[in-house]
Amino acid sequence: MKLFNYWRSSSSYRVRLALHFKGLPYEYVPVSLIKGEQHEALHRDRNPAGYVPVLEVEEGGVTSAISQSVAIFEYLEERYPEKPLLPRSLVGRAQVRAMVELINSGIQPFHNLSTLNHLKALGVDEKKWAAHFIDLGLEGLEKLASKHAGTFSFGDTFTWADCCLVPQLFGARRFGGNVEKFPLLVRVEQACLALPHVQAARPDAQPDATPG
């Protein structure tokens, strides 16, 4: 497997967490969002939308590119079910997916690089704008997680919800979100950060990481 990703991308971070949790080896292929490599023709062929991450896999002798972090996760969960990232119960799986979707569509898009660059071009204070929506989304997530959390976001087992939470709080701090207002989320984050597979997936541990 090859993972085309960027060290500081929260969507890439999610997939790295899933891969490391499942113990799956992969080739790390950096795509620099700062240099605009996501817009180059070669990457657009992998993902016409020009986003990261993209997971390249081989099934039955055919190489395929899977884009979008949630789709990549679903592939990994179905292809490598031995170490699951979803609970066994149907309701539990739905609750984890609800937290994931709140992060994936209700928070993270507000601090996408393309979104922030467009706002900046319009003369908007992009970080202040992003921080407003980040805090609003995290407030909802804190309340939702309070119904299900144990050591982690859903009970005492690391799940796909945690794969999304940890990168989201990393992104929130970068863009001015007031993370300390959400003690439950921070507590879960700290429990996650102590895990070896989380440490291996952290942005600053990646080969393309840069200072600052």
N, C-alpha and C. Protein backbone atom coordinates (compact mmCIF):
# COMPACT_ATOMS: atom_id res chain seq x y z
N MET A 1 0.84 -1.20 0.00
CA MET A 1 0.00 0.00 0.00
C MET A 1 0.87 1.25 0.00
N LYS A 2 0.38 2.28 -0.68
CA LYS A 2 1.03 3.58 -0.66
C LYS A 2 0.03 4.61 -0.14
N LEU A 3 0.49 5.46 0.76
CA LEU A 3 -0.36 6.54 1.26
C LEU A 3 0.20 7.86 0.79
N PHE A 4 -0.52 8.52 -0.10
CA PHE A 4 -0.17 9.85 -0.56
C PHE A 4 -0.81 10.83 0.41
N ASN A 5 0.03 11.57 1.15
CA ASN A 5 -0.52 12.40 2.21
C ASN A 5 0.43 13.53 2.57
N TYR A 6 -0.05 14.39 3.43
CA TYR A 6 0.73 15.53 3.90
C TYR A 6 0.78 15.47 5.41
N TRP A 7 1.95 15.71 5.97
CA TRP A 7 2.17 15.49 7.41
C TRP A 7 1.20 16.25 8.30
N ARG A 8 0.79 17.46 7.88
CA ARG A 8 -0.03 18.29 8.76
C ARG A 8 -1.52 18.24 8.41
N SER A 9 -1.87 17.51 7.39
CA SER A 9 -3.28 17.36 7.01
C SER A 9 -4.01 16.50 8.03
N SER A 10 -5.11 17.03 8.57
CA SER A 10 -5.85 16.25 9.57
C SER A 10 -6.50 15.01 8.97
N SER A 11 -6.92 15.09 7.71
CA SER A 11 -7.51 13.92 7.06
C SER A 11 -6.46 12.84 6.85
N SER A 12 -5.24 13.25 6.49
CA SER A 12 -4.14 12.29 6.35
C SER A 12 -3.81 11.65 7.69
N TYR A 13 -3.80 12.47 8.73
CA TYR A 13 -3.50 12.01 10.09
C TYR A 13 -4.47 10.92 10.51
N ARG A 14 -5.75 11.08 10.18
CA ARG A 14 -6.76 10.08 10.52
C ARG A 14 -6.40 8.71 9.93
N VAL A 15 -6.04 8.74 8.66
CA VAL A 15 -5.74 7.48 7.96
C VAL A 15 -4.47 6.85 8.51
N ARG A 16 -3.46 7.67 8.80
CA ARG A 16 -2.25 7.12 9.40
C ARG A 16 -2.57 6.43 10.72
N LEU A 17 -3.44 7.03 11.51
CA LEU A 17 -3.84 6.43 12.79
C LEU A 17 -4.49 5.07 12.56
N ALA A 18 -5.38 4.98 11.59
CA ALA A 18 -6.04 3.71 11.31
C ALA A 18 -5.03 2.65 10.84
N LEU A 19 -4.11 3.04 9.97
CA LEU A 19 -3.11 2.11 9.47
C LEU A 19 -2.20 1.60 10.59
N HIS A 20 -1.75 2.52 11.44
CA HIS A 20 -0.86 2.11 12.54
C HIS A 20 -1.61 1.28 13.57
N PHE A 21 -2.86 1.63 13.85
CA PHE A 21 -3.64 0.84 14.80
C PHE A 21 -3.78 -0.60 14.32
N LYS A 22 -4.05 -0.76 13.03
CA LYS A 22 -4.24 -2.09 12.46
C LYS A 22 -2.91 -2.81 12.18
N GLY A 23 -1.80 -2.10 12.37
CA GLY A 23 -0.50 -2.71 12.15
C GLY A 23 -0.19 -2.99 10.69
N LEU A 24 -0.69 -2.12 9.80
CA LEU A 24 -0.53 -2.35 8.37
C LEU A 24 0.65 -1.54 7.83
N PRO A 25 1.63 -2.20 7.24
CA PRO A 25 2.75 -1.47 6.66
C PRO A 25 2.32 -0.74 5.39
N TYR A 26 2.91 0.42 5.15
CA TYR A 26 2.57 1.19 3.95
C TYR A 26 3.75 2.07 3.58
N GLU A 27 3.79 2.44 2.31
CA GLU A 27 4.81 3.37 1.83
C GLU A 27 4.28 4.79 1.97
N TYR A 28 5.04 5.61 2.64
CA TYR A 28 4.64 7.01 2.86
C TYR A 28 5.10 7.85 1.68
N VAL A 29 4.15 8.47 0.97
CA VAL A 29 4.47 9.31 -0.17
C VAL A 29 3.98 10.74 0.14
N PRO A 30 4.91 11.68 0.39
CA PRO A 30 4.48 13.03 0.74
C PRO A 30 3.95 13.81 -0.46
N VAL A 31 2.90 14.57 -0.21
CA VAL A 31 2.33 15.50 -1.19
C VAL A 31 2.25 16.85 -0.49
N SER A 32 3.08 17.79 -0.88
CA SER A 32 3.15 19.07 -0.20
C SER A 32 1.99 19.99 -0.59
N LEU A 33 1.13 20.27 0.37
CA LEU A 33 0.03 21.19 0.12
C LEU A 33 0.55 22.63 -0.01
N ILE A 34 1.63 22.94 0.69
CA ILE A 34 2.19 24.28 0.64
C ILE A 34 2.79 24.57 -0.74
N LYS A 35 3.41 23.58 -1.34
CA LYS A 35 4.00 23.75 -2.68
C LYS A 35 2.97 23.56 -3.80
N GLY A 36 1.75 23.16 -3.43
CA GLY A 36 0.70 22.98 -4.43
C GLY A 36 0.78 21.67 -5.19
N GLU A 37 1.49 20.68 -4.65
CA GLU A 37 1.65 19.41 -5.36
C GLU A 37 0.32 18.66 -5.52
N GLN A 38 -0.66 19.00 -4.67
CA GLN A 38 -1.97 18.35 -4.77
C GLN A 38 -2.70 18.74 -6.06
N HIS A 39 -2.27 19.82 -6.70
CA HIS A 39 -2.92 20.28 -7.92
C HIS A 39 -2.23 19.78 -9.19
N GLU A 40 -1.10 19.11 -9.03
CA GLU A 40 -0.37 18.62 -10.20
C GLU A 40 -1.14 17.48 -10.88
N ALA A 41 -0.92 17.34 -12.17
CA ALA A 41 -1.70 16.38 -12.97
C ALA A 41 -1.60 14.95 -12.43
N LEU A 42 -0.42 14.57 -11.98
CA LEU A 42 -0.23 13.21 -11.49
C LEU A 42 -1.11 12.94 -10.28
N HIS A 43 -1.18 13.92 -9.37
CA HIS A 43 -2.02 13.71 -8.19
C HIS A 43 -3.50 13.85 -8.54
N ARG A 44 -3.83 14.75 -9.45
CA ARG A 44 -5.22 14.89 -9.89
C ARG A 44 -5.74 13.61 -10.54
N ASP A 45 -4.82 12.84 -11.10
CA ASP A 45 -5.22 11.55 -11.67
C ASP A 45 -5.61 10.58 -10.55
N ARG A 46 -4.93 10.69 -9.41
CA ARG A 46 -5.28 9.83 -8.27
C ARG A 46 -6.58 10.30 -7.63
N ASN A 47 -6.71 11.62 -7.48
CA ASN A 47 -7.92 12.21 -6.89
C ASN A 47 -8.26 13.48 -7.66
N PRO A 48 -9.26 13.43 -8.52
CA PRO A 48 -9.60 14.59 -9.34
C PRO A 48 -9.92 15.85 -8.54
N ALA A 49 -10.32 15.69 -7.29
CA ALA A 49 -10.61 16.86 -6.46
C ALA A 49 -9.34 17.55 -5.95
N GLY A 50 -8.20 16.86 -6.06
CA GLY A 50 -6.94 17.46 -5.64
C GLY A 50 -6.73 17.50 -4.15
N TYR A 51 -7.27 16.51 -3.43
CA TYR A 51 -7.11 16.47 -1.98
C TYR A 51 -6.19 15.32 -1.57
N VAL A 52 -5.74 15.37 -0.34
CA VAL A 52 -5.10 14.24 0.31
C VAL A 52 -6.00 13.86 1.49
N PRO A 53 -5.91 12.60 1.91
CA PRO A 53 -5.02 11.52 1.47
C PRO A 53 -5.61 10.72 0.31
N VAL A 54 -4.73 9.94 -0.31
CA VAL A 54 -5.13 8.92 -1.28
C VAL A 54 -4.37 7.65 -0.92
N LEU A 55 -5.09 6.55 -0.84
CA LEU A 55 -4.47 5.26 -0.54
C LEU A 55 -4.45 4.43 -1.82
N GLU A 56 -3.26 4.01 -2.24
CA GLU A 56 -3.12 3.16 -3.41
C GLU A 56 -3.01 1.71 -2.94
N VAL A 57 -3.88 0.87 -3.46
CA VAL A 57 -3.93 -0.53 -3.04
C VAL A 57 -3.92 -1.44 -4.26
N GLU A 58 -3.58 -2.70 -4.03
CA GLU A 58 -3.62 -3.69 -5.11
C GLU A 58 -4.52 -4.83 -4.68
N GLU A 59 -5.51 -5.10 -5.48
CA GLU A 59 -6.45 -6.21 -5.24
C GLU A 59 -6.56 -7.02 -6.51
N GLY A 60 -6.25 -8.30 -6.45
CA GLY A 60 -6.36 -9.17 -7.61
C GLY A 60 -5.49 -8.74 -8.77
N GLY A 61 -4.33 -8.18 -8.45
CA GLY A 61 -3.42 -7.75 -9.50
C GLY A 61 -3.75 -6.41 -10.11
N VAL A 62 -4.79 -5.74 -9.61
CA VAL A 62 -5.20 -4.44 -10.12
C VAL A 62 -4.90 -3.36 -9.08
N THR A 63 -4.21 -2.31 -9.49
CA THR A 63 -3.89 -1.21 -8.59
C THR A 63 -4.97 -0.15 -8.68
N SER A 64 -5.46 0.27 -7.52
CA SER A 64 -6.53 1.27 -7.45
C SER A 64 -6.17 2.36 -6.46
N ALA A 65 -6.68 3.55 -6.71
CA ALA A 65 -6.49 4.69 -5.80
C ALA A 65 -7.81 4.99 -5.10
N ILE A 66 -7.78 5.02 -3.78
CA ILE A 66 -8.97 5.33 -2.98
C ILE A 66 -8.75 6.68 -2.34
N SER A 67 -9.66 7.61 -2.59
CA SER A 67 -9.55 8.94 -2.00
C SER A 67 -10.62 9.13 -0.92
N GLN A 68 -10.45 10.19 -0.14
CA GLN A 68 -11.35 10.57 0.96
C GLN A 68 -11.13 9.67 2.17
N SER A 69 -10.84 10.30 3.30
CA SER A 69 -10.42 9.55 4.48
C SER A 69 -11.46 8.56 4.98
N VAL A 70 -12.74 8.92 4.93
CA VAL A 70 -13.77 8.01 5.43
C VAL A 70 -13.89 6.79 4.51
N ALA A 71 -13.82 7.00 3.20
CA ALA A 71 -13.86 5.88 2.26
C ALA A 71 -12.65 4.97 2.45
N ILE A 72 -11.48 5.58 2.68
CA ILE A 72 -10.27 4.78 2.93
C ILE A 72 -10.45 3.95 4.19
N PHE A 73 -10.98 4.58 5.24
CA PHE A 73 -11.21 3.84 6.48
C PHE A 73 -12.15 2.67 6.27
N GLU A 74 -13.25 2.90 5.57
CA GLU A 74 -14.22 1.82 5.36
C GLU A 74 -13.57 0.66 4.59
N TYR A 75 -12.72 0.98 3.63
CA TYR A 75 -11.99 -0.08 2.92
C TYR A 75 -11.11 -0.86 3.90
N LEU A 76 -10.34 -0.14 4.71
CA LEU A 76 -9.43 -0.80 5.65
C LEU A 76 -10.20 -1.65 6.67
N GLU A 77 -11.33 -1.14 7.12
CA GLU A 77 -12.12 -1.86 8.12
C GLU A 77 -12.67 -3.16 7.54
N GLU A 78 -13.10 -3.10 6.28
CA GLU A 78 -13.67 -4.29 5.65
C GLU A 78 -12.57 -5.25 5.17
N ARG A 79 -11.47 -4.71 4.71
CA ARG A 79 -10.39 -5.54 4.18
C ARG A 79 -9.57 -6.19 5.29
N TYR A 80 -9.42 -5.48 6.41
CA TYR A 80 -8.61 -5.97 7.54
C TYR A 80 -9.43 -5.90 8.82
N PRO A 81 -10.43 -6.81 8.96
CA PRO A 81 -11.35 -6.74 10.10
C PRO A 81 -10.79 -7.32 11.39
N GLU A 82 -9.58 -7.87 11.34
CA GLU A 82 -9.06 -8.59 12.51
C GLU A 82 -8.90 -7.68 13.72
N LYS A 83 -8.59 -6.41 13.49
CA LYS A 83 -8.44 -5.45 14.58
C LYS A 83 -9.37 -4.27 14.28
N PRO A 84 -10.63 -4.39 14.68
CA PRO A 84 -11.64 -3.41 14.25
C PRO A 84 -11.52 -2.06 14.94
N LEU A 85 -11.98 -1.06 14.23
CA LEU A 85 -12.06 0.31 14.77
C LEU A 85 -13.51 0.76 14.95
N LEU A 86 -14.42 -0.18 14.78
CA LEU A 86 -15.84 0.09 15.05
C LEU A 86 -16.33 -0.90 16.09
N PRO A 87 -17.27 -0.47 16.97
CA PRO A 87 -17.81 -1.40 17.97
C PRO A 87 -18.56 -2.56 17.30
N ARG A 88 -18.86 -3.56 18.07
CA ARG A 88 -19.55 -4.73 17.53
C ARG A 88 -21.03 -4.46 17.32
N SER A 89 -21.65 -3.69 18.21
CA SER A 89 -23.10 -3.48 18.12
C SER A 89 -23.44 -2.49 17.01
N LEU A 90 -24.59 -2.69 16.39
CA LEU A 90 -25.03 -1.79 15.31
C LEU A 90 -25.22 -0.37 15.81
N VAL A 91 -25.83 -0.24 16.99
CA VAL A 91 -26.05 1.10 17.54
C VAL A 91 -24.72 1.76 17.88
N GLY A 92 -23.82 0.98 18.47
CA GLY A 92 -22.51 1.53 18.80
C GLY A 92 -21.76 2.00 17.56
N ARG A 93 -21.84 1.23 16.49
CA ARG A 93 -21.18 1.62 15.24
C ARG A 93 -21.77 2.93 14.71
N ALA A 94 -23.08 3.05 14.82
CA ALA A 94 -23.75 4.27 14.37
C ALA A 94 -23.33 5.47 15.22
N GLN A 95 -23.18 5.27 16.53
CA GLN A 95 -22.78 6.37 17.41
C GLN A 95 -21.36 6.84 17.10
N VAL A 96 -20.47 5.90 16.83
CA VAL A 96 -19.10 6.26 16.45
C VAL A 96 -19.12 7.03 15.13
N ARG A 97 -19.89 6.53 14.17
CA ARG A 97 -19.98 7.21 12.88
C ARG A 97 -20.57 8.61 13.03
N ALA A 98 -21.48 8.80 13.98
CA ALA A 98 -22.05 10.13 14.20
C ALA A 98 -20.98 11.12 14.66
N MET A 99 -20.12 10.68 15.55
CA MET A 99 -19.03 11.55 16.00
C MET A 99 -18.05 11.84 14.86
N VAL A 100 -17.77 10.81 14.09
CA VAL A 100 -16.89 10.98 12.94
C VAL A 100 -17.47 11.98 11.96
N GLU A 101 -18.75 11.85 11.67
CA GLU A 101 -19.37 12.73 10.69
C GLU A 101 -19.43 14.17 11.17
N LEU A 102 -19.62 14.36 12.46
CA LEU A 102 -19.61 15.72 13.01
C LEU A 102 -18.25 16.38 12.78
N ILE A 103 -17.18 15.60 12.97
CA ILE A 103 -15.84 16.13 12.72
C ILE A 103 -15.59 16.30 11.22
N ASN A 104 -15.90 15.25 10.46
CA ASN A 104 -15.56 15.21 9.05
C ASN A 104 -16.27 16.26 8.22
N SER A 105 -17.55 16.48 8.49
CA SER A 105 -18.31 17.44 7.68
C SER A 105 -18.73 18.69 8.43
N GLY A 106 -18.68 18.63 9.78
CA GLY A 106 -19.16 19.76 10.56
C GLY A 106 -18.09 20.64 11.16
N ILE A 107 -16.81 20.20 11.11
CA ILE A 107 -15.74 21.01 11.68
C ILE A 107 -14.57 21.15 10.71
N GLN A 108 -14.01 20.04 10.29
CA GLN A 108 -12.77 20.07 9.52
C GLN A 108 -12.82 20.91 8.23
N PRO A 109 -13.93 20.89 7.47
CA PRO A 109 -13.94 21.69 6.24
C PRO A 109 -13.75 23.19 6.46
N PHE A 110 -14.04 23.66 7.66
CA PHE A 110 -13.90 25.09 7.94
C PHE A 110 -12.44 25.53 8.05
N HIS A 111 -11.52 24.57 8.19
CA HIS A 111 -10.11 24.97 8.19
C HIS A 111 -9.31 24.27 7.11
N ASN A 112 -9.99 23.80 6.06
CA ASN A 112 -9.28 23.33 4.88
C ASN A 112 -8.41 24.46 4.32
N LEU A 113 -7.25 24.11 3.79
CA LEU A 113 -6.36 25.12 3.22
C LEU A 113 -7.04 25.89 2.10
N SER A 114 -7.80 25.20 1.25
CA SER A 114 -8.47 25.89 0.14
C SER A 114 -9.51 26.88 0.64
N THR A 115 -10.22 26.52 1.70
CA THR A 115 -11.21 27.41 2.29
C THR A 115 -10.55 28.65 2.87
N LEU A 116 -9.49 28.45 3.63
CA LEU A 116 -8.81 29.57 4.28
C LEU A 116 -8.14 30.49 3.26
N ASN A 117 -7.57 29.92 2.22
CA ASN A 117 -6.95 30.75 1.18
C ASN A 117 -7.98 31.62 0.47
N HIS A 118 -9.16 31.07 0.23
CA HIS A 118 -10.22 31.85 -0.43
C HIS A 118 -10.69 32.98 0.48
N LEU A 119 -10.86 32.69 1.76
CA LEU A 119 -11.28 33.72 2.71
C LEU A 119 -10.25 34.84 2.78
N LYS A 120 -8.98 34.45 2.82
CA LYS A 120 -7.90 35.44 2.89
C LYS A 120 -7.92 36.34 1.66
N ALA A 121 -8.18 35.74 0.49
CA ALA A 121 -8.25 36.51 -0.75
C ALA A 121 -9.41 37.50 -0.74
N LEU A 122 -10.46 37.18 0.03
CA LEU A 122 -11.62 38.07 0.15
C LEU A 122 -11.43 39.14 1.22
N GLY A 123 -10.28 39.10 1.90
CA GLY A 123 -10.00 40.09 2.92
C GLY A 123 -10.56 39.74 4.28
N VAL A 124 -10.94 38.48 4.47
CA VAL A 124 -11.50 38.02 5.74
C VAL A 124 -10.36 37.55 6.66
N ASP A 125 -10.51 37.78 7.96
CA ASP A 125 -9.57 37.22 8.94
C ASP A 125 -9.86 35.72 9.03
N GLU A 126 -9.11 34.94 8.25
CA GLU A 126 -9.46 33.53 8.06
C GLU A 126 -9.32 32.71 9.35
N LYS A 127 -8.35 33.03 10.18
CA LYS A 127 -8.17 32.26 11.41
C LYS A 127 -9.30 32.55 12.42
N LYS A 128 -9.69 33.80 12.51
CA LYS A 128 -10.79 34.15 13.41
C LYS A 128 -12.08 33.50 12.94
N TRP A 129 -12.30 33.51 11.63
CA TRP A 129 -13.48 32.89 11.04
C TRP A 129 -13.49 31.38 11.31
N ALA A 130 -12.35 30.74 11.07
CA ALA A 130 -12.25 29.29 11.29
C ALA A 130 -12.45 28.94 12.75
N ALA A 131 -11.84 29.73 13.66
CA ALA A 131 -11.93 29.45 15.09
C ALA A 131 -13.38 29.46 15.56
N HIS A 132 -14.19 30.36 15.01
CA HIS A 132 -15.61 30.42 15.40
C HIS A 132 -16.30 29.10 15.12
N PHE A 133 -16.12 28.56 13.92
CA PHE A 133 -16.79 27.33 13.54
C PHE A 133 -16.17 26.11 14.20
N ILE A 134 -14.87 26.14 14.44
CA ILE A 134 -14.22 25.04 15.14
C ILE A 134 -14.79 24.92 16.55
N ASP A 135 -14.86 26.03 17.26
CA ASP A 135 -15.38 25.99 18.63
C ASP A 135 -16.85 25.56 18.66
N LEU A 136 -17.62 26.03 17.68
CA LEU A 136 -19.03 25.65 17.62
C LEU A 136 -19.17 24.15 17.42
N GLY A 137 -18.37 23.58 16.53
CA GLY A 137 -18.42 22.15 16.29
C GLY A 137 -17.93 21.34 17.47
N LEU A 138 -16.85 21.80 18.10
CA LEU A 138 -16.32 21.08 19.26
C LEU A 138 -17.28 21.10 20.44
N GLU A 139 -18.05 22.17 20.55
CA GLU A 139 -19.06 22.23 21.61
C GLU A 139 -20.08 21.11 21.43
N GLY A 140 -20.53 20.92 20.19
CA GLY A 140 -21.46 19.82 19.92
C GLY A 140 -20.82 18.46 20.13
N LEU A 141 -19.56 18.35 19.75
CA LEU A 141 -18.86 17.07 19.91
C LEU A 141 -18.66 16.73 21.38
N GLU A 142 -18.33 17.72 22.19
CA GLU A 142 -18.16 17.49 23.63
C GLU A 142 -19.45 16.93 24.24
N LYS A 143 -20.59 17.51 23.84
CA LYS A 143 -21.88 17.05 24.37
C LYS A 143 -22.21 15.65 23.87
N LEU A 144 -21.93 15.39 22.59
CA LEU A 144 -22.21 14.07 22.04
C LEU A 144 -21.32 13.01 22.67
N ALA A 145 -20.04 13.30 22.81
CA ALA A 145 -19.10 12.34 23.39
C ALA A 145 -19.43 12.06 24.86
N SER A 146 -19.99 13.05 25.56
CA SER A 146 -20.30 12.85 26.98
C SER A 146 -21.32 11.73 27.19
N LYS A 147 -22.08 11.41 26.16
CA LYS A 147 -23.07 10.34 26.26
C LYS A 147 -22.44 8.95 26.11
N HIS A 148 -21.22 8.89 25.58
CA HIS A 148 -20.66 7.60 25.21
C HIS A 148 -19.24 7.35 25.71
N ALA A 149 -18.55 8.38 26.17
CA ALA A 149 -17.11 8.27 26.45
C ALA A 149 -16.82 7.45 27.70
N GLY A 150 -15.69 6.74 27.61
CA GLY A 150 -15.06 6.13 28.77
C GLY A 150 -13.65 6.66 28.77
N THR A 151 -12.69 5.79 28.67
CA THR A 151 -11.31 6.24 28.49
C THR A 151 -11.17 6.95 27.16
N PHE A 152 -11.91 6.46 26.14
CA PHE A 152 -11.84 7.01 24.80
C PHE A 152 -13.20 7.60 24.41
N SER A 153 -13.34 8.00 23.16
CA SER A 153 -14.56 8.69 22.73
C SER A 153 -15.80 7.82 22.87
N PHE A 154 -15.62 6.51 22.64
CA PHE A 154 -16.74 5.58 22.79
C PHE A 154 -16.28 4.44 23.68
N GLY A 155 -16.62 4.53 24.94
CA GLY A 155 -16.24 3.49 25.89
C GLY A 155 -14.74 3.47 26.14
N ASP A 156 -14.23 2.29 26.41
CA ASP A 156 -12.83 2.14 26.80
C ASP A 156 -11.97 1.52 25.70
N THR A 157 -12.47 1.54 24.49
CA THR A 157 -11.73 0.99 23.35
C THR A 157 -11.47 2.08 22.32
N PHE A 158 -10.26 2.13 21.81
CA PHE A 158 -9.90 3.08 20.76
C PHE A 158 -10.69 2.77 19.49
N THR A 159 -11.34 3.79 18.91
CA THR A 159 -12.17 3.58 17.72
C THR A 159 -11.85 4.61 16.65
N TRP A 160 -12.57 4.49 15.55
CA TRP A 160 -12.45 5.44 14.43
C TRP A 160 -12.77 6.86 14.89
N ALA A 161 -13.64 7.01 15.89
CA ALA A 161 -13.94 8.35 16.42
C ALA A 161 -12.67 8.99 16.99
N ASP A 162 -11.84 8.21 17.65
CA ASP A 162 -10.59 8.74 18.20
C ASP A 162 -9.59 9.07 17.09
N CYS A 163 -9.61 8.27 16.01
CA CYS A 163 -8.76 8.57 14.85
C CYS A 163 -9.09 9.94 14.26
N CYS A 164 -10.32 10.36 14.42
CA CYS A 164 -10.74 11.66 13.89
C CYS A 164 -10.60 12.77 14.94
N LEU A 165 -10.83 12.44 16.20
CA LEU A 165 -10.74 13.45 17.26
C LEU A 165 -9.33 13.99 17.42
N VAL A 166 -8.34 13.12 17.49
CA VAL A 166 -6.97 13.58 17.75
C VAL A 166 -6.49 14.56 16.68
N PRO A 167 -6.66 14.25 15.38
CA PRO A 167 -6.26 15.24 14.38
C PRO A 167 -7.08 16.53 14.43
N GLN A 168 -8.36 16.40 14.81
CA GLN A 168 -9.20 17.60 14.86
C GLN A 168 -8.71 18.57 15.94
N LEU A 169 -8.33 18.06 17.09
CA LEU A 169 -7.82 18.94 18.15
C LEU A 169 -6.45 19.51 17.76
N PHE A 170 -5.66 18.73 17.05
CA PHE A 170 -4.39 19.24 16.52
C PHE A 170 -4.66 20.42 15.59
N GLY A 171 -5.63 20.26 14.69
CA GLY A 171 -5.99 21.34 13.78
C GLY A 171 -6.61 22.53 14.49
N ALA A 172 -7.42 22.26 15.49
CA ALA A 172 -8.07 23.34 16.22
C ALA A 172 -7.05 24.27 16.86
N ARG A 173 -6.02 23.70 17.43
CA ARG A 173 -4.97 24.53 18.05
C ARG A 173 -4.24 25.36 17.01
N ARG A 174 -4.03 24.81 15.84
CA ARG A 174 -3.34 25.55 14.78
C ARG A 174 -4.13 26.77 14.34
N PHE A 175 -5.45 26.66 14.35
CA PHE A 175 -6.28 27.71 13.79
C PHE A 175 -7.05 28.51 14.83
N GLY A 176 -6.59 28.47 16.07
CA GLY A 176 -7.13 29.37 17.08
C GLY A 176 -8.33 28.89 17.84
N GLY A 177 -8.70 27.63 17.69
CA GLY A 177 -9.82 27.11 18.47
C GLY A 177 -9.47 27.06 19.95
N ASN A 178 -10.46 27.27 20.79
CA ASN A 178 -10.23 27.28 22.25
C ASN A 178 -10.46 25.88 22.81
N VAL A 179 -9.51 25.00 22.57
CA VAL A 179 -9.64 23.59 22.90
C VAL A 179 -9.85 23.36 24.39
N GLU A 180 -9.26 24.19 25.23
CA GLU A 180 -9.34 23.97 26.67
C GLU A 180 -10.76 24.14 27.22
N LYS A 181 -11.66 24.67 26.41
CA LYS A 181 -13.07 24.78 26.82
C LYS A 181 -13.76 23.42 26.84
N PHE A 182 -13.08 22.39 26.32
CA PHE A 182 -13.72 21.09 26.14
C PHE A 182 -12.92 20.01 26.86
N PRO A 183 -13.05 19.96 28.21
CA PRO A 183 -12.19 19.07 29.02
C PRO A 183 -12.35 17.59 28.70
N LEU A 184 -13.54 17.15 28.34
CA LEU A 184 -13.72 15.74 28.02
C LEU A 184 -12.92 15.36 26.78
N LEU A 185 -13.01 16.19 25.75
CA LEU A 185 -12.28 15.91 24.51
C LEU A 185 -10.78 15.92 24.75
N VAL A 186 -10.30 16.86 25.56
CA VAL A 186 -8.86 16.94 25.86
C VAL A 186 -8.42 15.72 26.66
N ARG A 187 -9.26 15.27 27.59
CA ARG A 187 -8.92 14.09 28.39
C ARG A 187 -8.79 12.86 27.50
N VAL A 188 -9.73 12.69 26.59
CA VAL A 188 -9.68 11.56 25.65
C VAL A 188 -8.44 11.68 24.77
N GLU A 189 -8.17 12.88 24.29
CA GLU A 189 -6.98 13.11 23.47
C GLU A 189 -5.72 12.67 24.19
N GLN A 190 -5.59 13.03 25.46
CA GLN A 190 -4.38 12.68 26.22
C GLN A 190 -4.25 11.17 26.37
N ALA A 191 -5.37 10.48 26.56
CA ALA A 191 -5.33 9.01 26.64
C ALA A 191 -4.86 8.42 25.31
N CYS A 192 -5.31 9.01 24.21
CA CYS A 192 -4.91 8.53 22.88
C CYS A 192 -3.42 8.78 22.63
N LEU A 193 -2.94 9.96 23.00
CA LEU A 193 -1.56 10.33 22.71
C LEU A 193 -0.54 9.46 23.44
N ALA A 194 -0.97 8.75 24.45
CA ALA A 194 -0.07 7.85 25.18
C ALA A 194 0.12 6.52 24.48
N LEU A 195 -0.68 6.26 23.43
CA LEU A 195 -0.63 4.97 22.75
C LEU A 195 0.47 4.96 21.68
N PRO A 196 1.23 3.87 21.58
CA PRO A 196 2.33 3.82 20.60
C PRO A 196 1.91 4.05 19.16
N HIS A 197 0.74 3.52 18.76
CA HIS A 197 0.33 3.70 17.37
C HIS A 197 -0.05 5.14 17.08
N VAL A 198 -0.50 5.85 18.10
CA VAL A 198 -0.82 7.28 17.92
C VAL A 198 0.47 8.08 17.82
N GLN A 199 1.43 7.76 18.66
CA GLN A 199 2.71 8.46 18.60
C GLN A 199 3.37 8.29 17.23
N ALA A 200 3.26 7.10 16.65
CA ALA A 200 3.87 6.85 15.34
C ALA A 200 3.19 7.64 14.22
N ALA A 201 1.91 7.95 14.41
CA ALA A 201 1.15 8.65 13.35
C ALA A 201 1.17 10.17 13.49
N ARG A 202 1.73 10.67 14.59
CA ARG A 202 1.69 12.12 14.84
C ARG A 202 2.38 12.90 13.72
N PRO A 203 1.89 14.10 13.44
CA PRO A 203 2.48 14.91 12.35
C PRO A 203 3.99 15.10 12.47
N ASP A 204 4.46 15.41 13.68
CA ASP A 204 5.88 15.71 13.82
C ASP A 204 6.78 14.48 13.69
N ALA A 205 6.17 13.28 13.59
CA ALA A 205 6.94 12.05 13.41
C ALA A 205 7.04 11.63 11.94
N GLN A 206 6.46 12.44 11.04
CA GLN A 206 6.44 12.06 9.64
C GLN A 206 7.66 12.58 8.89
N PRO A 207 8.08 11.88 7.83
CA PRO A 207 9.32 12.25 7.13
C PRO A 207 9.29 13.61 6.46
N ASP A 208 8.11 14.13 6.14
CA ASP A 208 8.04 15.43 5.48
C ASP A 208 7.74 16.57 6.46
N ALA A 209 7.76 16.28 7.75
CA ALA A 209 7.47 17.32 8.75
C ALA A 209 8.54 18.41 8.70
N THR A 210 8.08 19.65 8.86
CA THR A 210 8.98 20.79 8.89
C THR A 210 8.73 21.61 10.15
N PRO A 211 9.71 22.35 10.63
CA PRO A 211 9.53 23.15 11.84
C PRO A 211 8.52 24.28 11.60
N GLY A 212 7.88 24.68 12.70
CA GLY A 212 7.00 25.83 12.63
C GLY A 212 5.56 25.48 12.32
